[in-house]
């Protein structure tokens, strides 16, 4: 199980191991949210991850996060997403 942590930002999440179904749910939830600019993209990514249980909490938790914390979590989720869909060499 992966973690998203940042001491100064007060971030400490256990990231749930997910499969295809949860990843599809995350994409669906993400796409239902405004994500035009970087700030909205970050908020949508983190809210969607919270909504589908990829990280623990409630999507409304993002409302009280600092923009830096939201950005950091979003960037870490992007890295984890890329790891999930990467096809290993044959």
N, C-alpha and C. Protein backbone atom coordinates (compact mmCIF):
# COMPACT_ATOMS: atom_id res chain seq x y z
N UNK A 1 0.85 -1.18 0.00
CA UNK A 1 0.00 0.00 0.00
C UNK A 1 0.90 1.25 0.00
N UNK A 2 0.57 2.18 -0.85
CA UNK A 2 1.35 3.41 -0.96
C UNK A 2 0.84 4.45 0.03
N UNK A 3 1.68 5.45 0.26
CA UNK A 3 1.31 6.55 1.14
C UNK A 3 1.57 7.86 0.42
N UNK A 4 0.76 8.83 0.75
CA UNK A 4 1.00 10.21 0.33
C UNK A 4 1.23 10.99 1.62
N UNK A 5 2.45 11.46 1.79
CA UNK A 5 2.78 12.17 3.02
C UNK A 5 3.58 13.44 2.70
N UNK A 6 3.37 14.43 3.51
CA UNK A 6 4.16 15.67 3.45
C UNK A 6 4.05 16.31 4.83
N UNK A 7 5.15 16.29 5.54
CA UNK A 7 5.15 16.73 6.93
C UNK A 7 4.70 18.19 7.08
N UNK A 8 5.28 19.11 6.33
CA UNK A 8 4.96 20.53 6.49
C UNK A 8 3.52 20.85 6.09
N UNK A 9 2.98 20.09 5.14
CA UNK A 9 1.60 20.32 4.71
C UNK A 9 0.59 19.54 5.55
N UNK A 10 1.07 18.70 6.45
CA UNK A 10 0.18 17.93 7.32
C UNK A 10 -0.58 16.84 6.59
N UNK A 11 0.05 16.27 5.57
CA UNK A 11 -0.60 15.24 4.76
C UNK A 11 -0.08 13.87 5.15
N UNK A 12 -1.00 12.95 5.39
CA UNK A 12 -0.63 11.57 5.70
C UNK A 12 -1.80 10.67 5.31
N UNK A 13 -1.76 10.17 4.08
CA UNK A 13 -2.81 9.30 3.56
C UNK A 13 -2.25 7.94 3.21
N UNK A 14 -2.98 6.91 3.59
CA UNK A 14 -2.75 5.56 3.06
C UNK A 14 -3.53 5.49 1.76
N UNK A 15 -2.87 5.12 0.69
CA UNK A 15 -3.53 5.02 -0.61
C UNK A 15 -3.94 3.58 -0.82
N UNK A 16 -5.22 3.38 -1.02
CA UNK A 16 -5.78 2.05 -1.20
C UNK A 16 -5.32 1.46 -2.54
N UNK A 17 -4.96 0.19 -2.53
CA UNK A 17 -4.68 -0.51 -3.79
C UNK A 17 -6.00 -0.66 -4.52
N UNK A 18 -6.04 -0.21 -5.77
CA UNK A 18 -7.30 -0.25 -6.51
C UNK A 18 -7.15 -1.04 -7.80
N UNK A 19 -8.28 -1.49 -8.28
CA UNK A 19 -8.34 -2.21 -9.55
C UNK A 19 -9.04 -1.38 -10.61
N UNK A 20 -9.31 -2.01 -11.71
CA UNK A 20 -9.90 -1.34 -12.86
C UNK A 20 -11.23 -0.67 -12.53
N UNK A 21 -12.10 -1.36 -11.79
CA UNK A 21 -13.43 -0.80 -11.49
C UNK A 21 -13.32 0.51 -10.72
N UNK A 22 -12.49 0.54 -9.69
CA UNK A 22 -12.34 1.76 -8.89
C UNK A 22 -11.68 2.86 -9.71
N UNK A 23 -10.73 2.49 -10.56
CA UNK A 23 -10.09 3.49 -11.41
C UNK A 23 -11.11 4.10 -12.37
N UNK A 24 -11.99 3.28 -12.93
CA UNK A 24 -13.04 3.79 -13.80
C UNK A 24 -13.98 4.72 -13.03
N UNK A 25 -14.31 4.35 -11.79
CA UNK A 25 -15.17 5.20 -10.96
C UNK A 25 -14.49 6.53 -10.67
N UNK A 26 -13.19 6.49 -10.43
CA UNK A 26 -12.44 7.73 -10.18
C UNK A 26 -12.48 8.63 -11.41
N UNK A 27 -12.24 8.07 -12.59
CA UNK A 27 -12.26 8.84 -13.82
C UNK A 27 -13.66 9.44 -14.05
N UNK A 28 -14.69 8.64 -13.83
CA UNK A 28 -16.06 9.13 -14.01
C UNK A 28 -16.36 10.28 -13.06
N UNK A 29 -15.98 10.12 -11.79
CA UNK A 29 -16.22 11.19 -10.81
C UNK A 29 -15.40 12.43 -11.17
N UNK A 30 -14.14 12.24 -11.52
CA UNK A 30 -13.27 13.35 -11.91
C UNK A 30 -13.88 14.12 -13.08
N UNK A 31 -14.34 13.38 -14.10
CA UNK A 31 -14.89 14.03 -15.29
C UNK A 31 -16.21 14.75 -15.03
N UNK A 32 -16.87 14.44 -13.92
CA UNK A 32 -18.13 15.11 -13.59
C UNK A 32 -17.89 16.45 -12.89
N UNK A 33 -16.64 16.75 -12.57
CA UNK A 33 -16.31 17.97 -11.83
C UNK A 33 -15.62 18.98 -12.75
N UNK A 34 -15.78 20.28 -12.46
CA UNK A 34 -15.05 21.28 -13.24
C UNK A 34 -13.55 21.06 -13.09
N UNK A 35 -12.82 21.11 -14.20
CA UNK A 35 -11.37 20.91 -14.13
C UNK A 35 -10.65 21.69 -15.22
N UNK A 36 -11.14 22.89 -15.50
CA UNK A 36 -10.59 23.71 -16.58
C UNK A 36 -9.15 24.16 -16.30
N UNK A 37 -8.91 24.75 -15.17
CA UNK A 37 -7.58 25.24 -14.82
C UNK A 37 -6.90 24.30 -13.85
N UNK A 38 -5.65 24.58 -13.55
CA UNK A 38 -4.87 23.69 -12.67
C UNK A 38 -5.50 23.58 -11.28
N UNK A 39 -5.99 24.68 -10.74
CA UNK A 39 -6.57 24.65 -9.40
C UNK A 39 -7.81 23.76 -9.38
N UNK A 40 -8.67 23.89 -10.39
CA UNK A 40 -9.86 23.04 -10.47
C UNK A 40 -9.48 21.59 -10.74
N UNK A 41 -8.48 21.37 -11.57
CA UNK A 41 -8.01 20.01 -11.86
C UNK A 41 -7.57 19.34 -10.56
N UNK A 42 -6.74 20.03 -9.79
CA UNK A 42 -6.24 19.47 -8.53
C UNK A 42 -7.39 19.15 -7.58
N UNK A 43 -8.32 20.09 -7.42
CA UNK A 43 -9.47 19.86 -6.55
C UNK A 43 -10.31 18.68 -7.02
N UNK A 44 -10.54 18.60 -8.33
CA UNK A 44 -11.35 17.50 -8.88
C UNK A 44 -10.67 16.16 -8.67
N UNK A 45 -9.36 16.10 -8.87
CA UNK A 45 -8.62 14.85 -8.71
C UNK A 45 -8.68 14.35 -7.27
N UNK A 46 -8.48 15.25 -6.33
CA UNK A 46 -8.47 14.86 -4.92
C UNK A 46 -9.89 14.53 -4.45
N UNK A 47 -10.87 15.34 -4.84
CA UNK A 47 -12.26 15.05 -4.46
C UNK A 47 -12.71 13.69 -5.01
N UNK A 48 -12.35 13.41 -6.24
CA UNK A 48 -12.72 12.13 -6.85
C UNK A 48 -12.05 10.97 -6.12
N UNK A 49 -10.79 11.13 -5.75
CA UNK A 49 -10.08 10.07 -5.02
C UNK A 49 -10.73 9.82 -3.67
N UNK A 50 -11.15 10.88 -3.01
CA UNK A 50 -11.85 10.74 -1.73
C UNK A 50 -13.22 10.09 -1.94
N UNK A 51 -13.91 10.47 -3.00
CA UNK A 51 -15.27 9.96 -3.25
C UNK A 51 -15.29 8.46 -3.49
N UNK A 52 -14.28 7.94 -4.18
CA UNK A 52 -14.27 6.50 -4.51
C UNK A 52 -13.48 5.68 -3.49
N UNK A 53 -12.94 6.34 -2.47
CA UNK A 53 -12.23 5.61 -1.43
C UNK A 53 -10.79 5.27 -1.76
N UNK A 54 -10.23 5.91 -2.77
CA UNK A 54 -8.83 5.69 -3.12
C UNK A 54 -7.93 6.19 -1.99
N UNK A 55 -8.33 7.32 -1.41
CA UNK A 55 -7.73 7.81 -0.17
C UNK A 55 -8.88 8.04 0.81
N UNK A 56 -8.59 7.91 2.12
CA UNK A 56 -9.69 8.01 3.09
C UNK A 56 -10.14 9.45 3.33
N UNK A 57 -11.43 9.60 3.51
CA UNK A 57 -11.99 10.91 3.82
C UNK A 57 -13.23 11.18 3.01
N UNK A 58 -13.64 12.42 3.02
CA UNK A 58 -14.84 12.87 2.32
C UNK A 58 -14.44 13.95 1.31
N UNK A 59 -15.08 13.97 0.14
CA UNK A 59 -14.73 15.00 -0.84
C UNK A 59 -14.78 16.42 -0.29
N UNK A 60 -15.66 16.67 0.68
CA UNK A 60 -15.75 18.02 1.25
C UNK A 60 -14.50 18.39 2.05
N UNK A 61 -13.66 17.41 2.39
CA UNK A 61 -12.40 17.71 3.09
C UNK A 61 -11.53 18.68 2.30
N UNK A 62 -11.65 18.64 0.97
CA UNK A 62 -10.83 19.49 0.11
C UNK A 62 -11.15 20.97 0.34
N UNK A 63 -12.39 21.26 0.71
CA UNK A 63 -12.80 22.65 0.91
C UNK A 63 -11.92 23.38 1.93
N UNK A 64 -11.39 22.65 2.91
CA UNK A 64 -10.59 23.27 3.96
C UNK A 64 -9.10 23.02 3.82
N UNK A 65 -8.68 22.38 2.73
CA UNK A 65 -7.25 22.15 2.50
C UNK A 65 -6.61 23.42 1.94
N UNK A 66 -5.33 23.55 2.19
CA UNK A 66 -4.61 24.64 1.54
C UNK A 66 -4.45 24.28 0.06
N UNK A 67 -4.37 25.27 -0.81
CA UNK A 67 -4.14 24.98 -2.22
C UNK A 67 -2.85 24.17 -2.44
N UNK A 68 -1.84 24.42 -1.64
CA UNK A 68 -0.58 23.68 -1.76
C UNK A 68 -0.79 22.20 -1.43
N UNK A 69 -1.56 21.92 -0.40
CA UNK A 69 -1.83 20.53 -0.03
C UNK A 69 -2.62 19.83 -1.12
N UNK A 70 -3.64 20.52 -1.65
CA UNK A 70 -4.44 19.94 -2.73
C UNK A 70 -3.57 19.67 -3.95
N UNK A 71 -2.71 20.60 -4.29
CA UNK A 71 -1.82 20.43 -5.45
C UNK A 71 -0.88 19.25 -5.23
N UNK A 72 -0.30 19.15 -4.04
CA UNK A 72 0.63 18.07 -3.75
C UNK A 72 -0.06 16.70 -3.85
N UNK A 73 -1.22 16.58 -3.25
CA UNK A 73 -1.95 15.30 -3.30
C UNK A 73 -2.30 14.96 -4.74
N UNK A 74 -2.76 15.95 -5.49
CA UNK A 74 -3.11 15.72 -6.90
C UNK A 74 -1.90 15.23 -7.69
N UNK A 75 -0.76 15.84 -7.49
CA UNK A 75 0.46 15.43 -8.20
C UNK A 75 0.86 14.00 -7.83
N UNK A 76 0.71 13.66 -6.56
CA UNK A 76 1.05 12.30 -6.13
C UNK A 76 0.06 11.29 -6.72
N UNK A 77 -1.23 11.66 -6.78
CA UNK A 77 -2.21 10.78 -7.40
C UNK A 77 -1.91 10.58 -8.88
N UNK A 78 -1.46 11.64 -9.56
CA UNK A 78 -1.07 11.51 -10.97
C UNK A 78 0.04 10.47 -11.14
N UNK A 79 1.03 10.50 -10.25
CA UNK A 79 2.14 9.53 -10.31
C UNK A 79 1.63 8.11 -10.08
N UNK A 80 0.75 7.96 -9.11
CA UNK A 80 0.21 6.63 -8.80
C UNK A 80 -0.63 6.13 -9.96
N UNK A 81 -1.42 7.02 -10.56
CA UNK A 81 -2.23 6.66 -11.72
C UNK A 81 -1.33 6.15 -12.85
N UNK A 82 -0.25 6.87 -13.12
CA UNK A 82 0.66 6.45 -14.19
C UNK A 82 1.28 5.09 -13.89
N UNK A 83 1.60 4.83 -12.63
CA UNK A 83 2.12 3.50 -12.25
C UNK A 83 1.08 2.41 -12.49
N UNK A 84 -0.18 2.72 -12.21
CA UNK A 84 -1.25 1.74 -12.37
C UNK A 84 -1.46 1.33 -13.82
N UNK A 85 -1.33 2.28 -14.74
CA UNK A 85 -1.66 1.97 -16.13
C UNK A 85 -0.43 1.67 -16.99
N UNK A 86 0.76 1.75 -16.38
CA UNK A 86 1.97 1.46 -17.14
C UNK A 86 2.07 -0.04 -17.47
N UNK A 87 2.35 -0.32 -18.71
CA UNK A 87 2.50 -1.70 -19.16
C UNK A 87 3.98 -2.06 -19.01
N UNK A 88 4.27 -3.09 -18.23
CA UNK A 88 5.68 -3.48 -18.04
C UNK A 88 6.25 -4.10 -19.31
N UNK A 89 7.57 -4.03 -19.45
CA UNK A 89 8.19 -4.66 -20.61
C UNK A 89 7.87 -6.15 -20.66
N UNK A 90 7.77 -6.65 -21.84
CA UNK A 90 7.45 -8.07 -22.04
C UNK A 90 8.68 -8.94 -21.90
